[in-house]
Protein backbone atom coordinates (compact mmCIF):
# COMPACT_ATOMS: atom_id res chain seq x y z
CA UNK A 1 184.41 85.31 174.24
CA UNK A 2 181.61 83.04 172.99
CA UNK A 3 183.00 79.86 171.42
CA UNK A 4 180.76 78.10 168.90
CA UNK A 5 181.74 74.61 167.76
CA UNK A 6 180.33 73.47 164.42
CA UNK A 7 179.95 77.12 163.42
CA UNK A 8 179.78 76.38 159.69
CA UNK A 9 176.72 74.14 160.11
CA UNK A 10 173.12 75.30 159.90
CA UNK A 11 172.65 75.59 163.67
CA UNK A 12 176.11 76.88 164.55
CA UNK A 13 176.09 79.53 161.83
CA UNK A 14 172.73 80.86 163.03
CA UNK A 15 174.13 81.04 166.57
CA UNK A 16 177.23 82.92 165.42
CA UNK A 17 175.14 85.42 163.43
CA UNK A 18 172.81 86.06 166.36
CA UNK A 19 175.70 86.55 168.79
CA UNK A 20 177.46 88.96 166.45
CA UNK A 21 174.23 90.91 165.94
CA UNK A 22 174.11 91.23 169.73
CA UNK A 23 177.64 92.65 169.71
CA UNK A 24 179.30 89.62 171.32
CA UNK A 25 182.83 88.47 170.51
CA UNK A 26 182.61 85.08 168.79
CA UNK A 27 185.24 82.45 168.16
CA UNK A 28 183.81 80.28 165.40
CA UNK A 29 185.24 76.77 165.50
CA UNK A 30 185.40 74.89 162.18
CA UNK A 31 187.25 71.83 160.94
CA UNK A 32 188.73 73.35 157.76
CA UNK A 33 190.03 76.84 157.09
CA UNK A 34 187.79 77.46 154.07
CA UNK A 35 184.71 76.89 156.22
CA UNK A 36 185.55 80.03 158.17
CA UNK A 37 185.50 82.55 155.30
CA UNK A 38 181.90 83.68 155.67
CA UNK A 39 182.12 83.60 159.46
CA UNK A 40 185.22 85.81 159.36
CA UNK A 41 183.27 88.34 157.27
CA UNK A 42 180.83 88.59 160.21
CA UNK A 43 183.70 89.58 162.49
CA UNK A 44 184.21 86.16 164.07
CA UNK A 45 187.60 84.96 165.19
CA UNK A 46 188.24 81.62 163.45
CA UNK A 47 189.62 78.55 165.20
CA UNK A 48 190.40 75.25 163.49
CA UNK A 49 189.68 72.21 165.64
CA UNK A 50 188.68 68.58 165.43
CA UNK A 51 186.47 67.36 168.28
CA UNK A 52 188.45 64.12 168.27
CA UNK A 53 191.70 66.01 168.93
CA UNK A 54 192.20 67.08 172.53
CA UNK A 55 194.87 69.70 171.85
CA UNK A 56 192.88 71.60 169.23
CA UNK A 57 189.72 71.55 171.36
CA UNK A 58 191.66 72.87 174.37
CA UNK A 59 193.09 75.70 172.29
CA UNK A 60 189.64 76.56 170.92
CA UNK A 61 188.06 77.06 174.37
CA UNK A 62 190.92 79.04 175.89
CA UNK A 63 189.58 82.22 177.49
CA UNK A 64 185.94 81.36 176.75
CA UNK A 65 183.09 82.90 178.72
CA UNK A 66 180.63 80.48 177.11
CA UNK A 67 180.95 77.43 174.87
CA UNK A 68 178.38 75.93 172.52
CA UNK A 69 179.27 72.27 172.05
CA UNK A 70 177.79 69.55 169.87
CA UNK A 71 178.47 66.01 168.78
CA UNK A 72 178.34 65.87 164.97
CA UNK A 73 177.11 62.75 163.20
CA UNK A 74 179.82 61.72 160.67
CA UNK A 75 177.80 60.48 157.72
CA UNK A 76 180.22 58.03 156.09
CA UNK A 77 181.87 56.65 159.24
CA UNK A 78 181.84 52.84 159.43
CA UNK A 79 182.23 52.98 163.23
CA UNK A 80 179.86 55.88 163.85
CA UNK A 81 178.96 55.20 167.48
CA UNK A 82 182.60 54.71 168.53
CA UNK A 83 183.66 57.87 166.71
CA UNK A 84 180.91 59.93 168.34
CA UNK A 85 181.75 58.51 171.78
CA UNK A 86 185.40 59.44 171.28
CA UNK A 87 184.42 63.03 170.40
CA UNK A 88 182.14 63.21 173.43
CA UNK A 89 184.85 61.85 175.74
CA UNK A 90 187.44 64.26 174.33
CA UNK A 91 185.26 67.36 174.57
CA UNK A 92 184.02 66.53 178.07
CA UNK A 93 187.55 65.86 179.32
CA UNK A 94 188.82 69.19 177.95
CA UNK A 95 185.87 71.08 179.44
CA UNK A 96 186.39 69.43 182.83
CA UNK A 97 190.06 70.44 182.75
CA UNK A 98 189.37 74.09 181.86
CA UNK A 99 185.67 74.71 182.54
CA UNK A 100 184.18 77.93 181.11
CA UNK A 101 181.48 79.69 183.16
CA UNK A 102 178.76 78.55 180.75
CA UNK A 103 178.23 75.61 178.40
CA UNK A 104 175.33 74.98 176.05
CA UNK A 105 175.12 71.51 174.51
CA UNK A 106 173.05 70.88 171.40
CA UNK A 107 171.05 67.77 172.18
CA UNK A 108 167.97 65.89 170.96
CA UNK A 109 164.41 65.06 171.93
CA UNK A 110 164.59 61.71 173.73
CA UNK A 111 168.09 62.32 175.16
CA UNK A 112 166.84 61.56 178.68
CA UNK A 113 166.45 57.86 177.73
CA UNK A 114 169.35 55.48 178.26
CA UNK A 115 168.49 52.70 175.80
CA UNK A 116 166.78 51.83 172.54
CA UNK A 117 166.87 55.23 170.83
CA UNK A 118 169.56 54.73 168.20
CA UNK A 119 171.61 57.83 167.41
CA UNK A 120 169.79 59.77 170.14
CA UNK A 121 171.45 57.52 172.70
CA UNK A 122 174.73 59.29 171.87
CA UNK A 123 173.17 62.59 172.95
CA UNK A 124 172.14 60.94 176.21
CA UNK A 125 175.82 60.09 176.66
CA UNK A 126 176.84 63.66 175.79
CA UNK A 127 174.54 65.05 178.46
CA UNK A 128 175.72 62.46 181.00
CA UNK A 129 179.39 63.29 180.43
CA UNK A 130 178.85 67.05 180.65
CA UNK A 131 177.00 66.81 183.97
CA UNK A 132 180.38 66.36 185.66
CA UNK A 133 181.73 69.65 184.27
CA UNK A 134 181.64 72.40 186.94
CA UNK A 135 180.00 75.00 184.67
CA UNK A 136 176.48 76.33 184.34
CA UNK A 137 175.02 73.85 181.84
CA UNK A 138 172.19 74.23 179.37
CA UNK A 139 170.97 71.26 177.35
CA UNK A 140 169.09 72.48 174.28
CA UNK A 141 167.07 69.49 173.06
CA UNK A 142 165.79 69.93 169.54
CA UNK A 143 163.15 68.03 167.61
CA UNK A 144 164.01 66.39 164.28
CA UNK A 145 165.44 69.00 161.90
CA UNK A 146 163.29 69.96 158.91
CA UNK A 147 166.45 70.12 156.80
CA UNK A 148 166.76 66.31 157.05
CA UNK A 149 164.10 66.01 154.35
CA UNK A 150 166.60 67.53 151.93
CA UNK A 151 168.29 64.13 151.66
CA UNK A 152 165.28 62.58 149.93
CA UNK A 153 163.87 65.56 148.02
CA UNK A 154 165.82 64.87 144.77
CA UNK A 155 164.54 61.28 144.57
CA UNK A 156 161.04 62.38 145.58
CA UNK A 157 160.84 64.95 142.80
CA UNK A 158 162.14 62.43 140.26
CA UNK A 159 159.95 59.49 141.25
CA UNK A 160 156.96 61.37 142.65
CA UNK A 161 157.27 59.41 145.90
CA UNK A 162 158.53 60.70 149.23
CA UNK A 163 159.84 57.73 151.26
CA UNK A 164 159.14 58.02 154.97
CA UNK A 165 160.40 56.09 157.97
CA UNK A 166 157.71 57.78 160.04
CA UNK A 167 154.79 55.34 160.36
CA UNK A 168 151.88 55.73 159.94
CA UNK A 169 151.98 58.48 157.35
CA UNK A 170 149.33 60.55 159.12
CA UNK A 171 151.21 60.52 162.45
CA UNK A 172 152.24 64.04 163.46
CA UNK A 173 155.70 64.43 164.92
CA UNK A 174 157.77 67.35 166.23
CA UNK A 175 160.21 69.00 163.86
CA UNK A 176 162.14 72.27 163.84
CA UNK A 177 164.15 74.54 161.55
CA UNK A 178 167.88 74.53 162.24
CA UNK A 179 168.07 78.32 162.22
CA UNK A 180 165.47 78.51 165.00
CA UNK A 181 167.61 76.19 167.10
CA UNK A 182 170.72 78.28 166.47
CA UNK A 183 169.02 81.57 167.32
CA UNK A 184 167.57 80.19 170.54
CA UNK A 185 170.98 78.77 171.47
CA UNK A 186 172.49 82.25 171.15
CA UNK A 187 169.71 83.78 173.23
CA UNK A 188 170.23 81.18 175.96
CA UNK A 189 174.00 81.76 175.97
CA UNK A 190 173.47 85.50 176.40
CA UNK A 191 170.59 85.17 178.85
CA UNK A 192 171.32 86.04 182.45
CA UNK A 193 169.19 83.15 183.64
CA UNK A 194 166.93 84.29 186.50
CA UNK A 195 167.09 80.71 187.77
CA UNK A 196 170.86 80.64 187.48
CA UNK A 197 171.29 78.01 190.17
CA UNK A 198 169.45 75.45 188.07
CA UNK A 199 172.04 73.40 186.22
CA UNK A 200 171.57 71.71 183.93
CA UNK A 201 168.92 73.98 182.48
CA UNK A 202 166.92 71.84 180.04
CA UNK A 203 165.20 73.61 177.16
CA UNK A 204 163.27 71.84 174.39
CA UNK A 205 162.49 73.41 171.01
CA UNK A 206 160.25 72.41 168.13
CA UNK A 207 158.56 74.24 165.28
CA UNK A 208 155.27 76.15 165.35
CA UNK A 209 153.23 73.06 164.35
CA UNK A 210 153.75 69.32 164.31
CA UNK A 211 153.66 67.72 160.87
CA UNK A 212 153.14 64.34 159.25
CA UNK A 213 154.84 62.72 156.27
CA UNK A 214 151.63 63.48 154.37
CA UNK A 215 152.08 67.17 155.20
CA UNK A 216 155.66 67.09 153.94
CA UNK A 217 154.61 65.50 150.64
CA UNK A 218 151.74 67.96 150.17
CA UNK A 219 154.00 70.91 150.88
CA UNK A 220 156.66 69.66 148.49
CA UNK A 221 154.02 69.18 145.79
CA UNK A 222 152.71 72.71 146.23
CA UNK A 223 156.17 74.27 146.15
CA UNK A 224 157.55 72.28 143.21
CA UNK A 225 154.44 72.11 141.06
CA UNK A 226 154.94 68.35 140.79
CA UNK A 227 152.85 65.55 142.23
CA UNK A 228 154.60 63.98 145.20
CA UNK A 229 152.96 61.29 147.33
CA UNK A 230 154.19 60.10 150.72
CA UNK A 231 155.26 56.46 150.83
CA UNK A 232 155.55 54.49 154.07
CA UNK A 233 158.75 52.60 153.41
CA UNK A 234 158.38 48.99 154.66
CA UNK A 235 160.49 48.25 157.73
CA UNK A 236 162.53 45.61 155.88
CA UNK A 237 163.45 48.19 153.23
CA UNK A 238 164.88 50.74 155.65
CA UNK A 239 168.43 49.40 155.93
CA UNK A 240 168.90 48.73 152.19
CA UNK A 241 167.67 52.24 151.39
CA UNK A 242 169.98 53.84 153.97
CA UNK A 243 172.96 51.84 152.70
CA UNK A 244 172.21 52.98 149.13
CA UNK A 245 172.16 56.55 150.44
CA UNK A 246 175.78 56.13 151.57
CA UNK A 247 175.36 55.40 155.27
CA UNK A 248 177.54 52.79 156.91
CA UNK A 249 175.92 49.66 158.33
CA UNK A 250 176.45 50.99 161.87
CA UNK A 251 174.87 54.34 160.96
CA UNK A 252 171.94 52.60 159.26
CA UNK A 253 171.30 50.44 162.35
CA UNK A 254 171.34 53.47 164.65
CA UNK A 255 168.92 55.21 162.30
CA UNK A 256 166.47 52.31 162.18
CA UNK A 257 166.59 52.04 165.97
CA UNK A 258 165.81 55.76 166.19
CA UNK A 259 162.77 55.53 163.92
CA UNK A 260 161.51 52.45 165.72
CA UNK A 261 161.57 54.58 168.87
CA UNK A 262 159.89 57.46 167.01
CA UNK A 263 157.10 55.21 165.76
CA UNK A 264 156.60 53.79 169.24
CA UNK A 265 156.06 57.33 170.57
CA UNK A 266 159.27 57.44 172.61
CA UNK A 267 160.96 60.45 170.97
CA UNK A 268 159.28 63.54 172.35
CA UNK A 269 159.53 66.24 175.00
CA UNK A 270 160.41 64.86 178.42
CA UNK A 271 157.24 65.24 180.48
CA UNK A 272 157.37 67.87 183.20
CA UNK A 273 161.05 68.66 182.74
CA UNK A 274 162.59 71.99 181.82
CA UNK A 275 161.26 74.66 179.48
CA UNK A 276 159.51 74.45 176.12
CA UNK A 277 160.15 76.86 173.25
CA UNK A 278 158.70 77.03 169.77
CA UNK A 279 160.40 78.24 166.61
CA UNK A 280 158.66 80.44 164.07
CA UNK A 281 159.98 78.99 160.80
CA UNK A 282 157.44 76.92 158.88
CA UNK A 283 158.16 73.65 157.09
CA UNK A 284 157.22 75.34 153.78
CA UNK A 285 159.90 77.99 154.35
CA UNK A 286 162.62 75.38 154.88
CA UNK A 287 161.60 73.23 151.91
CA UNK A 288 161.36 76.33 149.70
CA UNK A 289 164.89 77.35 150.69
CA UNK A 290 166.24 73.94 149.62
CA UNK A 291 164.38 73.51 146.32
CA UNK A 292 166.48 75.89 144.16
CA UNK A 293 169.68 73.98 144.99
CA UNK A 294 168.02 70.63 144.33
CA UNK A 295 166.57 71.74 141.00
CA UNK A 296 169.84 73.37 139.93
CA UNK A 297 171.75 70.16 140.67
CA UNK A 298 169.27 68.17 138.58
CA UNK A 299 169.86 70.29 135.45
């Protein structure tokens, strides 16, 4: 049994689909029953669990051959870091108590660093906690998700300005499509690793080409038929903008710390460590997939 936490999300769903296509039995773990409808149609067993609840997590991993674990980022949580740490502690404790043969943790570029990386620091803590689990571990570190631009597309199309926390605007940074991460995760879970004694196995994934905020704006312009220009949002405007977007103060601070690290060149592949993989999905494909929903909501 392959257990996939966060199976209704972009990454988890892609993992579940790939595993089912490969004929594997999948237990798709979701937080609410209605999130499992489409997964059940794929032939997945559905489990309801909350990563903050030890009992439900323990039930979800029972009998697992492999577990895909994550630490979700609760968007509206006023104590985001504490909530994420509690989920990490709970999941790691359950996995230590009943370790499956294989675990794959969804992590981030920069997770090897132990300070000054904002939200990414929580993924450092996830990796650190899981290292004590007696399973074969894989840490799949992903670049920034292309889907994150979906949060600002509606305002960008309305105002003609795409606000960016990436400075300078011409700086190219790694990014990746969520579905490429999910498919690779499935492949790694299935893979009979020829270097099976290496644990943790560290794999990094980004898209086929690095992009800049200017590239994102140009692509959005071409797809929408509207003029959209990239705007380097001044550092002092970051927190007010994030608070207006509905983030808590704690979440906003972790986000600004992350982009400070990005702009200082600290969020990237760890030199000389692990394996590098590249997705095939282009930025234009991801933005094009999001535009119909954005335009429909604006009508």
